[in-house]
């Protein structure tokens, strides 16, 4: 539960990745999603208490990122479920902070200010 609270709590406003400052909003979302990379996602995960992202976590992150790149918007939860072949309970359990404050944040989505992206 500590990681979930940390993922939702106030965070520092920048990370350094390969000598580049990555600016985050107060909830830890990227201010500029074009700076996203696997290395940025890994640094954000470490900041949230996830030392190493698992293959399943990467599968969800990459699906969300690919959908965002192709569609110009974050996928609804149902799309994530279908696209990864996982159920919502499994996806939620993979990330401190669940879908929004975990998976979507690590995939470089901008903070949606309360939008959960739909239901399962």
PDB file of N, CA and C in Angstrom:
ATOM      1  N   UNK A   1       0.823  -1.198   0.000  1.00  0.00           N
ATOM      2  CA  UNK A   1       0.000   0.000   0.000  1.00  0.00           C
ATOM      3  C   UNK A   1       0.864   1.258   0.000  1.00  0.00           C
ATOM      4  N   UNK A   2       2.068   1.141   0.562  1.00  0.00           N
ATOM      5  CA  UNK A   2       2.964   2.293   0.595  1.00  0.00           C
ATOM      6  C   UNK A   2       3.268   2.800  -0.813  1.00  0.00           C
ATOM      7  N   UNK A   3       3.543   1.880  -1.762  1.00  0.00           N
ATOM      8  CA  UNK A   3       3.836   2.289  -3.126  1.00  0.00           C
ATOM      9  C   UNK A   3       2.645   2.968  -3.776  1.00  0.00           C
ATOM     10  N   UNK A   4       1.429   2.454  -3.541  1.00  0.00           N
ATOM     11  CA  UNK A   4       0.224   3.067  -4.119  1.00  0.00           C
ATOM     12  C   UNK A   4       0.089   4.500  -3.595  1.00  0.00           C
ATOM     13  N   UNK A   5       0.276   4.710  -2.304  1.00  0.00           N
ATOM     14  CA  UNK A   5       0.173   6.045  -1.737  1.00  0.00           C
ATOM     15  C   UNK A   5       1.271   6.951  -2.282  1.00  0.00           C
ATOM     16  N   UNK A   6       2.462   6.416  -2.439  1.00  0.00           N
ATOM     17  CA  UNK A   6       3.560   7.208  -2.969  1.00  0.00           C
ATOM     18  C   UNK A   6       3.280   7.604  -4.418  1.00  0.00           C
ATOM     19  N   UNK A   7       2.704   6.665  -5.195  1.00  0.00           N
ATOM     20  CA  UNK A   7       2.404   6.948  -6.591  1.00  0.00           C
ATOM     21  C   UNK A   7       1.353   8.040  -6.721  1.00  0.00           C
ATOM     22  N   UNK A   8       0.437   8.146  -5.763  1.00  0.00           N
ATOM     23  CA  UNK A   8      -0.613   9.155  -5.837  1.00  0.00           C
ATOM     24  C   UNK A   8      -0.228  10.449  -5.117  1.00  0.00           C
ATOM     25  N   UNK A   9       0.775  10.405  -4.285  1.00  0.00           N
ATOM     26  CA  UNK A   9       1.132  11.560  -3.476  1.00  0.00           C
ATOM     27  C   UNK A   9       1.940  12.591  -4.236  1.00  0.00           C
ATOM     28  N   UNK A  10       2.283  13.680  -3.554  1.00  0.00           N
ATOM     29  CA  UNK A  10       3.091  14.746  -4.154  1.00  0.00           C
ATOM     30  C   UNK A  10       4.473  14.202  -4.467  1.00  0.00           C
ATOM     31  N   UNK A  11       4.999  14.552  -5.617  1.00  0.00           N
ATOM     32  CA  UNK A  11       6.260  14.023  -6.101  1.00  0.00           C
ATOM     33  C   UNK A  11       7.198  15.176  -6.430  1.00  0.00           C
ATOM     34  N   UNK A  12       8.476  14.850  -6.585  1.00  0.00           N
ATOM     35  CA  UNK A  12       9.399  15.864  -7.081  1.00  0.00           C
ATOM     36  C   UNK A  12       9.020  16.207  -8.511  1.00  0.00           C
ATOM     37  N   UNK A  13       9.470  17.352  -8.999  1.00  0.00           N
ATOM     38  CA  UNK A  13       8.981  17.799 -10.305  1.00  0.00           C
ATOM     39  C   UNK A  13       9.924  17.539 -11.469  1.00  0.00           C
ATOM     40  N   UNK A  14      10.970  16.744 -11.273  1.00  0.00           N
ATOM     41  CA  UNK A  14      11.863  16.436 -12.391  1.00  0.00           C
ATOM     42  C   UNK A  14      12.631  15.154 -12.129  1.00  0.00           C
ATOM     43  N   UNK A  15      12.991  14.503 -13.221  1.00  0.00           N
ATOM     44  CA  UNK A  15      13.895  13.357 -13.199  1.00  0.00           C
ATOM     45  C   UNK A  15      15.021  13.658 -14.187  1.00  0.00           C
ATOM     46  N   UNK A  16      16.169  13.070 -13.943  1.00  0.00           N
ATOM     47  CA  UNK A  16      17.276  13.192 -14.888  1.00  0.00           C
ATOM     48  C   UNK A  16      17.471  11.838 -15.553  1.00  0.00           C
ATOM     49  N   UNK A  17      17.404  11.811 -16.873  1.00  0.00           N
ATOM     50  CA  UNK A  17      17.578  10.581 -17.643  1.00  0.00           C
ATOM     51  C   UNK A  17      18.587  10.865 -18.747  1.00  0.00           C
ATOM     52  N   UNK A  18      19.690  10.148 -18.723  1.00  0.00           N
ATOM     53  CA  UNK A  18      20.759  10.340 -19.718  1.00  0.00           C
ATOM     54  C   UNK A  18      21.154  11.807 -19.855  1.00  0.00           C
ATOM     55  N   UNK A  19      21.274  12.501 -18.726  1.00  0.00           N
ATOM     56  CA  UNK A  19      21.715  13.888 -18.724  1.00  0.00           C
ATOM     57  C   UNK A  19      20.660  14.898 -19.133  1.00  0.00           C
ATOM     58  N   UNK A  20      19.434  14.449 -19.367  1.00  0.00           N
ATOM     59  CA  UNK A  20      18.357  15.350 -19.759  1.00  0.00           C
ATOM     60  C   UNK A  20      17.358  15.475 -18.613  1.00  0.00           C
ATOM     61  N   UNK A  21      16.976  16.712 -18.313  1.00  0.00           N
ATOM     62  CA  UNK A  21      15.971  16.940 -17.281  1.00  0.00           C
ATOM     63  C   UNK A  21      14.589  16.682 -17.866  1.00  0.00           C
ATOM     64  N   UNK A  22      13.845  15.799 -17.199  1.00  0.00           N
ATOM     65  CA  UNK A  22      12.486  15.457 -17.599  1.00  0.00           C
ATOM     66  C   UNK A  22      11.556  16.081 -16.571  1.00  0.00           C
ATOM     67  N   UNK A  23      10.778  17.070 -16.997  1.00  0.00           N
ATOM     68  CA  UNK A  23       9.896  17.811 -16.097  1.00  0.00           C
ATOM     69  C   UNK A  23       8.589  17.045 -15.917  1.00  0.00           C
ATOM     70  N   UNK A  24       8.181  16.931 -14.666  1.00  0.00           N
ATOM     71  CA  UNK A  24       6.936  16.260 -14.291  1.00  0.00           C
ATOM     72  C   UNK A  24       5.992  17.263 -13.645  1.00  0.00           C
ATOM     73  N   UNK A  25       4.696  16.989 -13.726  1.00  0.00           N
ATOM     74  CA  UNK A  25       3.758  17.826 -12.981  1.00  0.00           C
ATOM     75  C   UNK A  25       3.775  17.384 -11.516  1.00  0.00           C
ATOM     76  N   UNK A  26       2.958  17.990 -10.693  1.00  0.00           N
ATOM     77  CA  UNK A  26       3.031  17.696  -9.257  1.00  0.00           C
ATOM     78  C   UNK A  26       2.592  16.276  -8.903  1.00  0.00           C
ATOM     79  N   UNK A  27       1.910  15.585  -9.827  1.00  0.00           N
ATOM     80  CA  UNK A  27       1.490  14.207  -9.582  1.00  0.00           C
ATOM     81  C   UNK A  27       2.393  13.194 -10.287  1.00  0.00           C
ATOM     82  N   UNK A  28       3.473  13.675 -10.908  1.00  0.00           N
ATOM     83  CA  UNK A  28       4.453  12.785 -11.509  1.00  0.00           C
ATOM     84  C   UNK A  28       4.215  12.429 -12.960  1.00  0.00           C
ATOM     85  N   UNK A  29       3.290  13.117 -13.635  1.00  0.00           N
ATOM     86  CA  UNK A  29       3.053  12.889 -15.059  1.00  0.00           C
ATOM     87  C   UNK A  29       4.015  13.748 -15.874  1.00  0.00           C
ATOM     88  N   UNK A  30       4.405  13.270 -17.050  1.00  0.00           N
ATOM     89  CA  UNK A  30       5.263  14.047 -17.939  1.00  0.00           C
ATOM     90  C   UNK A  30       4.566  15.334 -18.361  1.00  0.00           C
ATOM     91  N   UNK A  31       5.297  16.435 -18.317  1.00  0.00           N
ATOM     92  CA  UNK A  31       4.766  17.690 -18.850  1.00  0.00           C
ATOM     93  C   UNK A  31       4.815  17.672 -20.369  1.00  0.00           C
ATOM     94  N   UNK A  32       5.857  17.027 -20.928  1.00  0.00           N
ATOM     95  CA  UNK A  32       6.027  16.945 -22.377  1.00  0.00           C
ATOM     96  C   UNK A  32       6.129  15.474 -22.763  1.00  0.00           C
ATOM     97  N   UNK A  33       5.024  14.914 -23.228  1.00  0.00           N
ATOM     98  CA  UNK A  33       5.001  13.474 -23.508  1.00  0.00           C
ATOM     99  C   UNK A  33       5.906  13.071 -24.670  1.00  0.00           C
ATOM    100  N   UNK A  34       6.362  14.025 -25.463  1.00  0.00           N
ATOM    101  CA  UNK A  34       7.272  13.681 -26.562  1.00  0.00           C
ATOM    102  C   UNK A  34       8.661  13.286 -26.047  1.00  0.00           C
ATOM    103  N   UNK A  35       8.946  13.538 -24.781  1.00  0.00           N
ATOM    104  CA  UNK A  35      10.231  13.149 -24.192  1.00  0.00           C
ATOM    105  C   UNK A  35      10.214  11.716 -23.667  1.00  0.00           C
ATOM    106  N   UNK A  36       9.077  11.020 -23.805  1.00  0.00           N
ATOM    107  CA  UNK A  36       8.954   9.670 -23.297  1.00  0.00           C
ATOM    108  C   UNK A  36       9.892   8.717 -24.033  1.00  0.00           C
ATOM    109  N   UNK A  37      10.449   7.777 -23.286  1.00  0.00           N
ATOM    110  CA  UNK A  37      11.239   6.671 -23.829  1.00  0.00           C
ATOM    111  C   UNK A  37      11.168   5.544 -22.809  1.00  0.00           C
ATOM    112  N   UNK A  38      11.643   4.368 -23.186  1.00  0.00           N
ATOM    113  CA  UNK A  38      11.698   3.265 -22.226  1.00  0.00           C
ATOM    114  C   UNK A  38      12.536   3.657 -21.009  1.00  0.00           C
ATOM    115  N   UNK A  39      13.626   4.392 -21.238  1.00  0.00           N
ATOM    116  CA  UNK A  39      14.477   4.812 -20.115  1.00  0.00           C
ATOM    117  C   UNK A  39      13.745   5.781 -19.190  1.00  0.00           C
ATOM    118  N   UNK A  40      12.958   6.674 -19.761  1.00  0.00           N
ATOM    119  CA  UNK A  40      12.161   7.605 -18.948  1.00  0.00           C
ATOM    120  C   UNK A  40      11.136   6.819 -18.144  1.00  0.00           C
ATOM    121  N   UNK A  41      10.462   5.870 -18.780  1.00  0.00           N
ATOM    122  CA  UNK A  41       9.477   5.041 -18.073  1.00  0.00           C
ATOM    123  C   UNK A  41      10.134   4.285 -16.926  1.00  0.00           C
ATOM    124  N   UNK A  42      11.315   3.725 -17.161  1.00  0.00           N
ATOM    125  CA  UNK A  42      12.021   2.987 -16.111  1.00  0.00           C
ATOM    126  C   UNK A  42      12.410   3.912 -14.960  1.00  0.00           C
ATOM    127  N   UNK A  43      12.830   5.136 -15.262  1.00  0.00           N
ATOM    128  CA  UNK A  43      13.181   6.101 -14.209  1.00  0.00           C
ATOM    129  C   UNK A  43      11.942   6.508 -13.417  1.00  0.00           C
ATOM    130  N   UNK A  44      10.829   6.712 -14.114  1.00  0.00           N
ATOM    131  CA  UNK A  44       9.577   7.054 -13.433  1.00  0.00           C
ATOM    132  C   UNK A  44       9.121   5.892 -12.548  1.00  0.00           C
ATOM    133  N   UNK A  45       9.288   4.662 -13.048  1.00  0.00           N
ATOM    134  CA  UNK A  45       8.918   3.482 -12.263  1.00  0.00           C
ATOM    135  C   UNK A  45       9.768   3.389 -11.004  1.00  0.00           C
ATOM    136  N   UNK A  46      11.074   3.586 -11.153  1.00  0.00           N
ATOM    137  CA  UNK A  46      11.964   3.534  -9.989  1.00  0.00           C
ATOM    138  C   UNK A  46      11.565   4.597  -8.976  1.00  0.00           C
ATOM    139  N   UNK A  47      11.182   5.769  -9.457  1.00  0.00           N
ATOM    140  CA  UNK A  47      10.737   6.844  -8.573  1.00  0.00           C
ATOM    141  C   UNK A  47       9.470   6.455  -7.817  1.00  0.00           C
ATOM    142  N   UNK A  48       8.649   5.578  -8.420  1.00  0.00           N
ATOM    143  CA  UNK A  48       7.410   5.109  -7.786  1.00  0.00           C
ATOM    144  C   UNK A  48       7.633   3.849  -6.953  1.00  0.00           C
ATOM    145  N   UNK A  49       8.879   3.375  -6.882  1.00  0.00           N
ATOM    146  CA  UNK A  49       9.186   2.212  -6.055  1.00  0.00           C
ATOM    147  C   UNK A  49       9.239   0.893  -6.802  1.00  0.00           C
ATOM    148  N   UNK A  50       9.165   0.930  -8.138  1.00  0.00           N
ATOM    149  CA  UNK A  50       9.278  -0.284  -8.941  1.00  0.00           C
ATOM    150  C   UNK A  50      10.708  -0.329  -9.471  1.00  0.00           C
ATOM    151  N   UNK A  51      11.518  -1.198  -8.906  1.00  0.00           N
ATOM    152  CA  UNK A  51      12.927  -1.234  -9.291  1.00  0.00           C
ATOM    153  C   UNK A  51      13.127  -1.749 -10.716  1.00  0.00           C
ATOM    154  N   UNK A  52      12.424  -2.805 -11.087  1.00  0.00           N
ATOM    155  CA  UNK A  52      12.541  -3.386 -12.425  1.00  0.00           C
ATOM    156  C   UNK A  52      11.131  -3.673 -12.935  1.00  0.00           C
ATOM    157  N   UNK A  53      10.821  -3.171 -14.124  1.00  0.00           N
ATOM    158  CA  UNK A  53       9.522  -3.430 -14.727  1.00  0.00           C
ATOM    159  C   UNK A  53       9.502  -4.834 -15.322  1.00  0.00           C
ATOM    160  N   UNK A  54       8.427  -5.569 -15.049  1.00  0.00           N
ATOM    161  CA  UNK A  54       8.285  -6.934 -15.563  1.00  0.00           C
ATOM    162  C   UNK A  54       7.852  -6.908 -17.033  1.00  0.00           C
ATOM    163  N   UNK A  55       7.924  -8.055 -17.686  1.00  0.00           N
ATOM    164  CA  UNK A  55       7.476  -8.163 -19.072  1.00  0.00           C
ATOM    165  C   UNK A  55       6.002  -7.773 -19.204  1.00  0.00           C
ATOM    166  N   UNK A  56       5.179  -8.176 -18.249  1.00  0.00           N
ATOM    167  CA  UNK A  56       3.747  -7.832 -18.301  1.00  0.00           C
ATOM    168  C   UNK A  56       3.538  -6.325 -18.134  1.00  0.00           C
ATOM    169  N   UNK A  57       4.314  -5.698 -17.250  1.00  0.00           N
ATOM    170  CA  UNK A  57       4.210  -4.251 -17.088  1.00  0.00           C
ATOM    171  C   UNK A  57       4.604  -3.542 -18.385  1.00  0.00           C
ATOM    172  N   UNK A  58       5.702  -3.987 -19.001  1.00  0.00           N
ATOM    173  CA  UNK A  58       6.119  -3.397 -20.272  1.00  0.00           C
ATOM    174  C   UNK A  58       5.055  -3.619 -21.348  1.00  0.00           C
ATOM    175  N   UNK A  59       4.411  -4.769 -21.357  1.00  0.00           N
ATOM    176  CA  UNK A  59       3.374  -5.053 -22.343  1.00  0.00           C
ATOM    177  C   UNK A  59       2.257  -4.013 -22.241  1.00  0.00           C
ATOM    178  N   UNK A  60       1.829  -3.719 -21.023  1.00  0.00           N
ATOM    179  CA  UNK A  60       0.767  -2.728 -20.812  1.00  0.00           C
ATOM    180  C   UNK A  60       1.261  -1.335 -21.195  1.00  0.00           C
ATOM    181  N   UNK A  61       2.441  -0.960 -20.731  1.00  0.00           N
ATOM    182  CA  UNK A  61       3.002   0.364 -21.031  1.00  0.00           C
ATOM    183  C   UNK A  61       3.136   0.561 -22.540  1.00  0.00           C
ATOM    184  N   UNK A  62       3.693  -0.426 -23.224  1.00  0.00           N
ATOM    185  CA  UNK A  62       3.889  -0.296 -24.672  1.00  0.00           C
ATOM    186  C   UNK A  62       2.561  -0.284 -25.425  1.00  0.00           C
ATOM    187  N   UNK A  63       1.576  -1.046 -24.963  1.00  0.00           N
ATOM    188  CA  UNK A  63       0.266  -0.990 -25.612  1.00  0.00           C
ATOM    189  C   UNK A  63      -0.319   0.414 -25.494  1.00  0.00           C
ATOM    190  N   UNK A  64      -0.300   0.970 -24.286  1.00  0.00           N
ATOM    191  CA  UNK A  64      -0.854   2.314 -24.063  1.00  0.00           C
ATOM    192  C   UNK A  64      -0.115   3.331 -24.922  1.00  0.00           C
ATOM    193  N   UNK A  65       1.200   3.246 -24.949  1.00  0.00           N
ATOM    194  CA  UNK A  65       2.012   4.198 -25.714  1.00  0.00           C
ATOM    195  C   UNK A  65       1.735   4.080 -27.221  1.00  0.00           C
ATOM    196  N   UNK A  66       1.673   2.847 -27.708  1.00  0.00           N
ATOM    197  CA  UNK A  66       1.404   2.616 -29.132  1.00  0.00           C
ATOM    198  C   UNK A  66       0.013   3.160 -29.514  1.00  0.00           C
ATOM    199  N   UNK A  67      -0.966   2.878 -28.675  1.00  0.00           N
ATOM    200  CA  UNK A  67      -2.323   3.371 -28.924  1.00  0.00           C
ATOM    201  C   UNK A  67      -2.322   4.902 -28.959  1.00  0.00           C
ATOM    202  N   UNK A  68      -1.661   5.514 -28.002  1.00  0.00           N
ATOM    203  CA  UNK A  68      -1.579   6.976 -27.930  1.00  0.00           C
ATOM    204  C   UNK A  68      -0.912   7.546 -29.186  1.00  0.00           C
ATOM    205  N   UNK A  69       0.162   6.917 -29.625  1.00  0.00           N
ATOM    206  CA  UNK A  69       0.876   7.382 -30.812  1.00  0.00           C
ATOM    207  C   UNK A  69       0.004   7.260 -32.063  1.00  0.00           C
ATOM    208  N   UNK A  70      -0.720   6.165 -32.167  1.00  0.00           N
ATOM    209  CA  UNK A  70      -1.550   5.923 -33.352  1.00  0.00           C
ATOM    210  C   UNK A  70      -2.867   6.694 -33.336  1.00  0.00           C
ATOM    211  N   UNK A  71      -3.485   6.839 -32.164  1.00  0.00           N
ATOM    212  CA  UNK A  71      -4.823   7.428 -32.066  1.00  0.00           C
ATOM    213  C   UNK A  71      -4.832   8.883 -31.573  1.00  0.00           C
ATOM    214  N   UNK A  72      -3.720   9.325 -30.977  1.00  0.00           N
ATOM    215  CA  UNK A  72      -3.658  10.692 -30.466  1.00  0.00           C
ATOM    216  C   UNK A  72      -4.360  10.897 -29.141  1.00  0.00           C
ATOM    217  N   UNK A  73      -4.723   9.803 -28.485  1.00  0.00           N
ATOM    218  CA  UNK A  73      -5.381   9.889 -27.181  1.00  0.00           C
ATOM    219  C   UNK A  73      -5.092   8.604 -26.413  1.00  0.00           C
ATOM    220  N   UNK A  74      -5.283   8.665 -25.115  1.00  0.00           N
ATOM    221  CA  UNK A  74      -5.073   7.488 -24.272  1.00  0.00           C
ATOM    222  C   UNK A  74      -6.205   6.486 -24.503  1.00  0.00           C
ATOM    223  N   UNK A  75      -5.894   5.200 -24.446  1.00  0.00           N
ATOM    224  CA  UNK A  75      -6.944   4.198 -24.627  1.00  0.00           C
ATOM    225  C   UNK A  75      -7.855   4.107 -23.408  1.00  0.00           C
ATOM    226  N   UNK A  76      -9.112   3.787 -23.656  1.00  0.00           N
ATOM    227  CA  UNK A  76     -10.032   3.482 -22.563  1.00  0.00           C
ATOM    228  C   UNK A  76      -9.562   2.189 -21.899  1.00  0.00           C
ATOM    229  N   UNK A  77      -9.945   2.003 -20.654  1.00  0.00           N
ATOM    230  CA  UNK A  77      -9.547   0.783 -19.939  1.00  0.00           C
ATOM    231  C   UNK A  77      -9.934  -0.480 -20.695  1.00  0.00           C
ATOM    232  N   UNK A  78     -11.114  -0.495 -21.308  1.00  0.00           N
ATOM    233  CA  UNK A  78     -11.550  -1.661 -22.066  1.00  0.00           C
ATOM    234  C   UNK A  78     -10.579  -1.979 -23.204  1.00  0.00           C
ATOM    235  N   UNK A  79     -10.085  -0.947 -23.880  1.00  0.00           N
ATOM    236  CA  UNK A  79      -9.118  -1.140 -24.962  1.00  0.00           C
ATOM    237  C   UNK A  79      -7.816  -1.738 -24.430  1.00  0.00           C
ATOM    238  N   UNK A  80      -7.392  -1.298 -23.256  1.00  0.00           N
ATOM    239  CA  UNK A  80      -6.172  -1.844 -22.649  1.00  0.00           C
ATOM    240  C   UNK A  80      -6.370  -3.322 -22.345  1.00  0.00           C
ATOM    241  N   UNK A  81      -7.519  -3.643 -21.797  1.00  0.00           N
ATOM    242  CA  UNK A  81      -7.851  -5.034 -21.463  1.00  0.00           C
ATOM    243  C   UNK A  81      -7.824  -5.905 -22.713  1.00  0.00           C
ATOM    244  N   UNK A  82      -8.498  -5.498 -23.750  1.00  0.00           N
ATOM    245  CA  UNK A  82      -8.554  -6.260 -24.995  1.00  0.00           C
ATOM    246  C   UNK A  82      -7.175  -6.318 -25.653  1.00  0.00           C
ATOM    247  N   UNK A  83      -6.484  -5.189 -25.691  1.00  0.00           N
ATOM    248  CA  UNK A  83      -5.197  -5.104 -26.369  1.00  0.00           C
ATOM    249  C   UNK A  83      -4.077  -5.898 -25.717  1.00  0.00           C
ATOM    250  N   UNK A  84      -4.188  -6.117 -24.407  1.00  0.00           N
ATOM    251  CA  UNK A  84      -3.141  -6.859 -23.695  1.00  0.00           C
ATOM    252  C   UNK A  84      -3.549  -8.293 -23.393  1.00  0.00           C
ATOM    253  N   UNK A  85      -4.853  -8.587 -23.486  1.00  0.00           N
ATOM    254  CA  UNK A  85      -5.330  -9.920 -23.142  1.00  0.00           C
ATOM    255  C   UNK A  85      -5.358 -10.179 -21.649  1.00  0.00           C
ATOM    256  N   UNK A  86      -5.248  -9.125 -20.849  1.00  0.00           N
ATOM    257  CA  UNK A  86      -5.286  -9.244 -19.384  1.00  0.00           C
ATOM    258  C   UNK A  86      -6.608  -8.688 -18.877  1.00  0.00           C
ATOM    259  N   UNK A  87      -7.032  -9.161 -17.687  1.00  0.00           N
ATOM    260  CA  UNK A  87      -8.235  -8.576 -17.099  1.00  0.00           C
ATOM    261  C   UNK A  87      -7.843  -7.344 -16.277  1.00  0.00           C
ATOM    262  N   UNK A  88      -8.827  -6.524 -15.951  1.00  0.00           N
ATOM    263  CA  UNK A  88      -8.541  -5.255 -15.277  1.00  0.00           C
ATOM    264  C   UNK A  88      -7.923  -5.452 -13.904  1.00  0.00           C
ATOM    265  N   UNK A  89      -8.326  -6.490 -13.191  1.00  0.00           N
ATOM    266  CA  UNK A  89      -7.735  -6.746 -11.871  1.00  0.00           C
ATOM    267  C   UNK A  89      -6.244  -7.011 -12.009  1.00  0.00           C
ATOM    268  N   UNK A  90      -5.879  -7.817 -12.999  1.00  0.00           N
ATOM    269  CA  UNK A  90      -4.465  -8.120 -13.223  1.00  0.00           C
ATOM    270  C   UNK A  90      -3.683  -6.859 -13.598  1.00  0.00           C
ATOM    271  N   UNK A  91      -4.232  -6.063 -14.506  1.00  0.00           N
ATOM    272  CA  UNK A  91      -3.548  -4.839 -14.935  1.00  0.00           C
ATOM    273  C   UNK A  91      -3.380  -3.888 -13.760  1.00  0.00           C
ATOM    274  N   UNK A  92      -4.454  -3.671 -13.010  1.00  0.00           N
ATOM    275  CA  UNK A  92      -4.399  -2.780 -11.841  1.00  0.00           C
ATOM    276  C   UNK A  92      -3.338  -3.240 -10.841  1.00  0.00           C
ATOM    277  N   UNK A  93      -3.232  -4.562 -10.636  1.00  0.00           N
ATOM    278  CA  UNK A  93      -2.296  -5.081  -9.639  1.00  0.00           C
ATOM    279  C   UNK A  93      -0.838  -4.947 -10.072  1.00  0.00           C
ATOM    280  N   UNK A  94      -0.599  -4.734 -11.347  1.00  0.00           N
ATOM    281  CA  UNK A  94       0.772  -4.613 -11.839  1.00  0.00           C
ATOM    282  C   UNK A  94       1.428  -3.283 -11.487  1.00  0.00           C
ATOM    283  N   UNK A  95       0.619  -2.256 -11.202  1.00  0.00           N
ATOM    284  CA  UNK A  95       1.147  -0.902 -11.049  1.00  0.00           C
ATOM    285  C   UNK A  95       0.707  -0.240  -9.749  1.00  0.00           C
ATOM    286  N   UNK A  96       1.669   0.235  -8.948  1.00  0.00           N
ATOM    287  CA  UNK A  96       1.276   1.095  -7.830  1.00  0.00           C
ATOM    288  C   UNK A  96       0.541   2.305  -8.424  1.00  0.00           C
ATOM    289  N   UNK A  97      -0.612   2.605  -7.922  1.00  0.00           N
ATOM    290  CA  UNK A  97      -1.395   3.696  -8.484  1.00  0.00           C
ATOM    291  C   UNK A  97      -2.377   3.240  -9.541  1.00  0.00           C
ATOM    292  N   UNK A  98      -2.413   1.932  -9.825  1.00  0.00           N
ATOM    293  CA  UNK A  98      -3.381   1.395 -10.774  1.00  0.00           C
ATOM    294  C   UNK A  98      -3.138   1.844 -12.200  1.00  0.00           C
ATOM    295  N   UNK A  99      -4.219   1.932 -12.965  1.00  0.00           N
ATOM    296  CA  UNK A  99      -4.123   2.274 -14.381  1.00  0.00           C
ATOM    297  C   UNK A  99      -3.673   3.725 -14.571  1.00  0.00           C
ATOM    298  N   UNK A 100      -4.374   4.664 -13.973  1.00  0.00           N
ATOM    299  CA  UNK A 100      -4.102   6.081 -14.222  1.00  0.00           C
ATOM    300  C   UNK A 100      -2.773   6.519 -13.636  1.00  0.00           C
ATOM    301  N   UNK A 101      -2.597   6.350 -12.331  1.00  0.00           N
ATOM    302  CA  UNK A 101      -1.385   6.845 -11.683  1.00  0.00           C
ATOM    303  C   UNK A 101      -0.220   5.881 -11.786  1.00  0.00           C
ATOM    304  N   UNK A 102      -0.426   4.760 -12.459  1.00  0.00           N
ATOM    305  CA  UNK A 102       0.638   3.799 -12.683  1.00  0.00           C
ATOM    306  C   UNK A 102       0.905   3.626 -14.153  1.00  0.00           C
ATOM    307  N   UNK A 103       0.113   2.797 -14.815  1.00  0.00           N
ATOM    308  CA  UNK A 103       0.361   2.439 -16.218  1.00  0.00           C
ATOM    309  C   UNK A 103       0.319   3.647 -17.151  1.00  0.00           C
ATOM    310  N   UNK A 104      -0.715   4.452 -17.079  1.00  0.00           N
ATOM    311  CA  UNK A 104      -0.814   5.607 -17.989  1.00  0.00           C
ATOM    312  C   UNK A 104       0.298   6.620 -17.711  1.00  0.00           C
ATOM    313  N   UNK A 105       0.624   6.809 -16.466  1.00  0.00           N
ATOM    314  CA  UNK A 105       1.692   7.752 -16.116  1.00  0.00           C
ATOM    315  C   UNK A 105       3.023   7.253 -16.677  1.00  0.00           C
ATOM    316  N   UNK A 106       3.317   5.951 -16.488  1.00  0.00           N
ATOM    317  CA  UNK A 106       4.573   5.393 -16.972  1.00  0.00           C
ATOM    318  C   UNK A 106       4.627   5.337 -18.494  1.00  0.00           C
ATOM    319  N   UNK A 107       3.481   5.312 -19.148  1.00  0.00           N
ATOM    320  CA  UNK A 107       3.435   5.307 -20.612  1.00  0.00           C
ATOM    321  C   UNK A 107       3.570   6.716 -21.190  1.00  0.00           C
ATOM    322  N   UNK A 108       3.713   7.705 -20.328  1.00  0.00           N
ATOM    323  CA  UNK A 108       3.953   9.067 -20.797  1.00  0.00           C
ATOM    324  C   UNK A 108       2.721   9.873 -21.125  1.00  0.00           C
ATOM    325  N   UNK A 109       1.563   9.416 -20.643  1.00  0.00           N
ATOM    326  CA  UNK A 109       0.342  10.189 -20.873  1.00  0.00           C
ATOM    327  C   UNK A 109       0.397  11.465 -20.046  1.00  0.00           C
ATOM    328  N   UNK A 110      -0.281  12.480 -20.530  1.00  0.00           N
ATOM    329  CA  UNK A 110      -0.399  13.707 -19.750  1.00  0.00           C
ATOM    330  C   UNK A 110      -1.446  13.486 -18.682  1.00  0.00           C
ATOM    331  N   UNK A 111      -1.371  14.219 -17.603  1.00  0.00           N
ATOM    332  CA  UNK A 111      -2.316  14.100 -16.499  1.00  0.00           C
ATOM    333  C   UNK A 111      -3.709  14.494 -16.994  1.00  0.00           C
ATOM    334  N   UNK A 112      -4.658  13.588 -16.814  1.00  0.00           N
ATOM    335  CA  UNK A 112      -6.010  13.833 -17.309  1.00  0.00           C
ATOM    336  C   UNK A 112      -6.885  14.575 -16.308  1.00  0.00           C
ATOM    337  N   UNK A 113      -6.342  14.940 -15.172  1.00  0.00           N
ATOM    338  CA  UNK A 113      -7.078  15.719 -14.166  1.00  0.00           C
ATOM    339  C   UNK A 113      -8.418  15.109 -13.807  1.00  0.00           C
ATOM    340  N   UNK A 114      -8.363  13.793 -13.467  1.00  0.00           N
ATOM    341  CA  UNK A 114      -9.568  13.160 -12.959  1.00  0.00           C
ATOM    342  C   UNK A 114     -10.270  12.226 -13.932  1.00  0.00           C
ATOM    343  N   UNK A 115      -9.900  12.252 -15.202  1.00  0.00           N
ATOM    344  CA  UNK A 115     -10.535  11.348 -16.160  1.00  0.00           C
ATOM    345  C   UNK A 115      -9.919   9.965 -16.011  1.00  0.00           C
ATOM    346  N   UNK A 116     -10.742   8.956 -15.796  1.00  0.00           N
ATOM    347  CA  UNK A 116     -10.224   7.612 -15.618  1.00  0.00           C
ATOM    348  C   UNK A 116     -10.156   6.837 -16.916  1.00  0.00           C
ATOM    349  N   UNK A 117     -10.643   7.396 -17.983  1.00  0.00           N
ATOM    350  CA  UNK A 117     -10.534   6.742 -19.274  1.00  0.00           C
ATOM    351  C   UNK A 117     -11.533   5.642 -19.500  1.00  0.00           C
ATOM    352  N   UNK A 118     -12.572   5.576 -18.713  1.00  0.00           N
ATOM    353  CA  UNK A 118     -13.606   4.565 -18.932  1.00  0.00           C
ATOM    354  C   UNK A 118     -13.515   3.439 -17.943  1.00  0.00           C
ATOM    355  N   UNK A 119     -14.391   2.494 -18.085  1.00  0.00           N
ATOM    356  CA  UNK A 119     -14.437   1.386 -17.154  1.00  0.00           C
ATOM    357  C   UNK A 119     -14.172   0.078 -17.868  1.00  0.00           C
ATOM    358  N   UNK A 120     -14.011  -0.975 -17.075  1.00  0.00           N
ATOM    359  CA  UNK A 120     -13.701  -2.279 -17.660  1.00  0.00           C
ATOM    360  C   UNK A 120     -14.875  -2.968 -18.203  1.00  0.00           C
TER     361      UNK A 120
END
